[in-house]
Amino acid sequence: MDGSGYPQGLKGEDILLESRIIGVADVIEAMSSHRPYRPAMDIEMALEEIAKFRNILYDASVVDACLNIYKAEGPKGFQ
């Protein structure tokens, strides 16, 4: 959201909503998946990451929706 990780310095509402959703989903998937250089992390750690950087790196409404889904459905909501 602050433009630090997006081409040409796009930030905030200049980033398509779909891209903001994919950005949050990608972080959760990447952190909770096994990688050759590290084991998978707990999904709770990924959720802490997006909550920590809510409205800085990640869209606040997308983060809130994601956290609400997890609260309502638990890990099965992400399958």
N, C-alpha and C. Protein backbone atom coordinates (compact mmCIF):
# COMPACT_ATOMS: atom_id res chain seq x y z
N MET A 1 0.81 -1.19 0.00
CA MET A 1 0.00 0.00 0.00
C MET A 1 0.86 1.26 0.00
N ASP A 2 2.06 1.17 0.56
CA ASP A 2 2.92 2.36 0.62
C ASP A 2 3.77 2.55 -0.63
N GLY A 3 3.63 1.66 -1.60
CA GLY A 3 4.37 1.78 -2.85
C GLY A 3 5.76 1.19 -2.84
N SER A 4 6.18 0.63 -1.71
CA SER A 4 7.54 0.12 -1.60
C SER A 4 7.78 -1.16 -2.37
N GLY A 5 6.75 -1.93 -2.65
CA GLY A 5 6.95 -3.21 -3.31
C GLY A 5 6.25 -3.31 -4.64
N TYR A 6 5.86 -2.20 -5.21
CA TYR A 6 5.09 -2.24 -6.44
C TYR A 6 5.80 -1.48 -7.54
N PRO A 7 5.72 -1.98 -8.76
CA PRO A 7 6.39 -1.28 -9.87
C PRO A 7 5.93 0.16 -10.01
N GLN A 8 6.83 1.00 -10.40
CA GLN A 8 6.56 2.41 -10.67
C GLN A 8 5.98 3.15 -9.47
N GLY A 9 6.19 2.65 -8.28
CA GLY A 9 5.76 3.34 -7.08
C GLY A 9 4.27 3.43 -6.89
N LEU A 10 3.48 2.58 -7.55
CA LEU A 10 2.04 2.60 -7.35
C LEU A 10 1.74 2.37 -5.88
N LYS A 11 0.74 3.07 -5.37
CA LYS A 11 0.37 2.88 -3.97
C LYS A 11 -1.11 3.15 -3.75
N GLY A 12 -1.60 2.65 -2.65
CA GLY A 12 -2.97 2.90 -2.25
C GLY A 12 -3.99 2.46 -3.29
N GLU A 13 -4.94 3.32 -3.53
CA GLU A 13 -6.04 3.03 -4.44
C GLU A 13 -5.59 2.91 -5.89
N ASP A 14 -4.36 3.30 -6.21
CA ASP A 14 -3.85 3.14 -7.57
C ASP A 14 -3.58 1.67 -7.90
N ILE A 15 -3.49 0.83 -6.87
CA ILE A 15 -3.30 -0.61 -7.06
C ILE A 15 -4.69 -1.23 -7.15
N LEU A 16 -4.92 -2.01 -8.18
CA LEU A 16 -6.22 -2.66 -8.34
C LEU A 16 -6.57 -3.50 -7.11
N LEU A 17 -7.86 -3.48 -6.77
CA LEU A 17 -8.32 -4.28 -5.63
C LEU A 17 -7.93 -5.74 -5.79
N GLU A 18 -8.07 -6.27 -6.99
CA GLU A 18 -7.71 -7.66 -7.24
C GLU A 18 -6.24 -7.92 -6.91
N SER A 19 -5.39 -6.98 -7.23
CA SER A 19 -3.96 -7.11 -6.93
C SER A 19 -3.71 -7.05 -5.43
N ARG A 20 -4.44 -6.23 -4.73
CA ARG A 20 -4.29 -6.13 -3.27
C ARG A 20 -4.73 -7.43 -2.61
N ILE A 21 -5.79 -8.04 -3.13
CA ILE A 21 -6.26 -9.33 -2.60
C ILE A 21 -5.22 -10.41 -2.85
N ILE A 22 -4.72 -10.47 -4.07
CA ILE A 22 -3.71 -11.47 -4.42
C ILE A 22 -2.44 -11.27 -3.59
N GLY A 23 -2.08 -10.03 -3.33
CA GLY A 23 -0.89 -9.75 -2.52
C GLY A 23 -1.00 -10.36 -1.13
N VAL A 24 -2.12 -10.19 -0.48
CA VAL A 24 -2.33 -10.76 0.86
C VAL A 24 -2.36 -12.28 0.78
N ALA A 25 -3.10 -12.82 -0.18
CA ALA A 25 -3.19 -14.28 -0.32
C ALA A 25 -1.82 -14.88 -0.60
N ASP A 26 -1.02 -14.21 -1.40
CA ASP A 26 0.31 -14.72 -1.74
C ASP A 26 1.22 -14.77 -0.52
N VAL A 27 1.15 -13.77 0.32
CA VAL A 27 1.97 -13.76 1.54
C VAL A 27 1.59 -14.93 2.43
N ILE A 28 0.30 -15.14 2.61
CA ILE A 28 -0.15 -16.24 3.47
C ILE A 28 0.29 -17.59 2.89
N GLU A 29 0.09 -17.76 1.59
CA GLU A 29 0.48 -19.02 0.94
C GLU A 29 1.99 -19.23 1.02
N ALA A 30 2.75 -18.19 0.74
CA ALA A 30 4.21 -18.32 0.74
C ALA A 30 4.75 -18.66 2.13
N MET A 31 4.23 -17.99 3.14
CA MET A 31 4.73 -18.23 4.49
C MET A 31 4.31 -19.60 5.04
N SER A 32 3.13 -20.06 4.65
CA SER A 32 2.63 -21.32 5.21
C SER A 32 2.97 -22.54 4.36
N SER A 33 3.74 -22.35 3.30
CA SER A 33 4.17 -23.45 2.45
C SER A 33 5.64 -23.78 2.68
N HIS A 34 5.96 -25.06 2.55
CA HIS A 34 7.35 -25.49 2.67
C HIS A 34 8.17 -24.91 1.52
N ARG A 35 9.37 -24.49 1.82
CA ARG A 35 10.32 -24.02 0.82
C ARG A 35 11.62 -24.81 1.01
N PRO A 36 12.41 -24.97 -0.03
CA PRO A 36 13.65 -25.75 0.11
C PRO A 36 14.60 -25.17 1.16
N TYR A 37 14.51 -23.88 1.40
CA TYR A 37 15.42 -23.21 2.32
C TYR A 37 14.85 -23.01 3.73
N ARG A 38 13.56 -23.40 3.94
CA ARG A 38 12.97 -23.30 5.27
C ARG A 38 11.68 -24.12 5.33
N PRO A 39 11.35 -24.61 6.52
CA PRO A 39 10.08 -25.34 6.65
C PRO A 39 8.89 -24.39 6.61
N ALA A 40 7.72 -24.94 6.40
CA ALA A 40 6.49 -24.13 6.42
C ALA A 40 6.29 -23.53 7.80
N MET A 41 5.78 -22.33 7.84
CA MET A 41 5.45 -21.67 9.10
C MET A 41 3.97 -21.90 9.39
N ASP A 42 3.60 -21.75 10.64
CA ASP A 42 2.18 -21.85 11.01
C ASP A 42 1.41 -20.74 10.33
N ILE A 43 0.17 -21.03 9.98
CA ILE A 43 -0.67 -20.03 9.34
C ILE A 43 -0.88 -18.84 10.28
N GLU A 44 -0.87 -19.08 11.58
CA GLU A 44 -1.03 -17.99 12.53
C GLU A 44 0.11 -16.97 12.40
N MET A 45 1.31 -17.44 12.08
CA MET A 45 2.44 -16.53 11.88
C MET A 45 2.21 -15.66 10.65
N ALA A 46 1.66 -16.26 9.62
CA ALA A 46 1.36 -15.49 8.40
C ALA A 46 0.28 -14.45 8.69
N LEU A 47 -0.72 -14.83 9.46
CA LEU A 47 -1.78 -13.89 9.81
C LEU A 47 -1.24 -12.75 10.68
N GLU A 48 -0.31 -13.07 11.57
CA GLU A 48 0.33 -12.02 12.37
C GLU A 48 1.09 -11.05 11.47
N GLU A 49 1.74 -11.58 10.45
CA GLU A 49 2.49 -10.75 9.50
C GLU A 49 1.57 -9.76 8.79
N ILE A 50 0.46 -10.25 8.26
CA ILE A 50 -0.42 -9.32 7.53
C ILE A 50 -1.09 -8.33 8.48
N ALA A 51 -1.39 -8.77 9.71
CA ALA A 51 -1.98 -7.85 10.69
C ALA A 51 -0.97 -6.78 11.10
N LYS A 52 0.27 -7.18 11.26
CA LYS A 52 1.33 -6.24 11.67
C LYS A 52 1.51 -5.13 10.64
N PHE A 53 1.43 -5.49 9.37
CA PHE A 53 1.67 -4.51 8.31
C PHE A 53 0.38 -4.06 7.62
N ARG A 54 -0.74 -4.23 8.32
CA ARG A 54 -2.05 -3.78 7.83
C ARG A 54 -1.99 -2.28 7.57
N ASN A 55 -2.44 -1.89 6.41
CA ASN A 55 -2.50 -0.49 5.98
C ASN A 55 -1.11 0.13 5.75
N ILE A 56 -0.06 -0.67 5.84
CA ILE A 56 1.29 -0.21 5.50
C ILE A 56 1.70 -0.90 4.21
N LEU A 57 1.79 -2.23 4.27
CA LEU A 57 2.12 -3.01 3.08
C LEU A 57 0.89 -3.65 2.46
N TYR A 58 -0.13 -3.91 3.29
CA TYR A 58 -1.31 -4.63 2.84
C TYR A 58 -2.57 -3.79 3.06
N ASP A 59 -3.52 -3.90 2.15
CA ASP A 59 -4.78 -3.17 2.23
C ASP A 59 -5.53 -3.56 3.50
N ALA A 60 -5.94 -2.56 4.27
CA ALA A 60 -6.60 -2.82 5.55
C ALA A 60 -7.89 -3.61 5.38
N SER A 61 -8.70 -3.29 4.39
CA SER A 61 -9.98 -4.00 4.22
C SER A 61 -9.75 -5.45 3.79
N VAL A 62 -8.72 -5.69 3.00
CA VAL A 62 -8.39 -7.06 2.58
C VAL A 62 -7.88 -7.86 3.77
N VAL A 63 -7.02 -7.26 4.57
CA VAL A 63 -6.51 -7.94 5.77
C VAL A 63 -7.66 -8.25 6.71
N ASP A 64 -8.54 -7.29 6.94
CA ASP A 64 -9.68 -7.51 7.83
C ASP A 64 -10.56 -8.65 7.33
N ALA A 65 -10.84 -8.68 6.04
CA ALA A 65 -11.66 -9.75 5.46
C ALA A 65 -10.98 -11.11 5.66
N CYS A 66 -9.69 -11.15 5.43
CA CYS A 66 -8.93 -12.39 5.59
C CYS A 66 -8.98 -12.87 7.04
N LEU A 67 -8.74 -11.97 7.98
CA LEU A 67 -8.76 -12.35 9.39
C LEU A 67 -10.16 -12.77 9.83
N ASN A 68 -11.19 -12.13 9.31
CA ASN A 68 -12.56 -12.51 9.64
C ASN A 68 -12.89 -13.91 9.12
N ILE A 69 -12.42 -14.23 7.92
CA ILE A 69 -12.64 -15.57 7.38
C ILE A 69 -11.96 -16.60 8.27
N TYR A 70 -10.73 -16.31 8.68
CA TYR A 70 -10.01 -17.26 9.53
C TYR A 70 -10.70 -17.43 10.88
N LYS A 71 -11.18 -16.32 11.46
CA LYS A 71 -11.88 -16.42 12.75
C LYS A 71 -13.16 -17.25 12.62
N ALA A 72 -13.86 -17.07 11.51
CA ALA A 72 -15.14 -17.76 11.32
C ALA A 72 -14.97 -19.23 10.94
N GLU A 73 -13.96 -19.53 10.12
CA GLU A 73 -13.85 -20.88 9.56
C GLU A 73 -12.58 -21.63 9.90
N GLY A 74 -11.62 -20.94 10.51
CA GLY A 74 -10.35 -21.58 10.84
C GLY A 74 -9.56 -21.90 9.58
N PRO A 75 -8.57 -22.76 9.69
CA PRO A 75 -7.71 -23.07 8.54
C PRO A 75 -8.47 -23.61 7.33
N LYS A 76 -9.60 -24.29 7.55
CA LYS A 76 -10.34 -24.84 6.40
C LYS A 76 -10.85 -23.75 5.48
N GLY A 77 -10.98 -22.52 5.98
CA GLY A 77 -11.43 -21.40 5.16
C GLY A 77 -10.41 -20.99 4.11
N PHE A 78 -9.19 -21.51 4.23
CA PHE A 78 -8.11 -21.16 3.30
C PHE A 78 -7.77 -22.29 2.34
N GLN A 79 -8.56 -23.34 2.35
CA GLN A 79 -8.27 -24.47 1.47
C GLN A 79 -8.94 -24.29 0.15
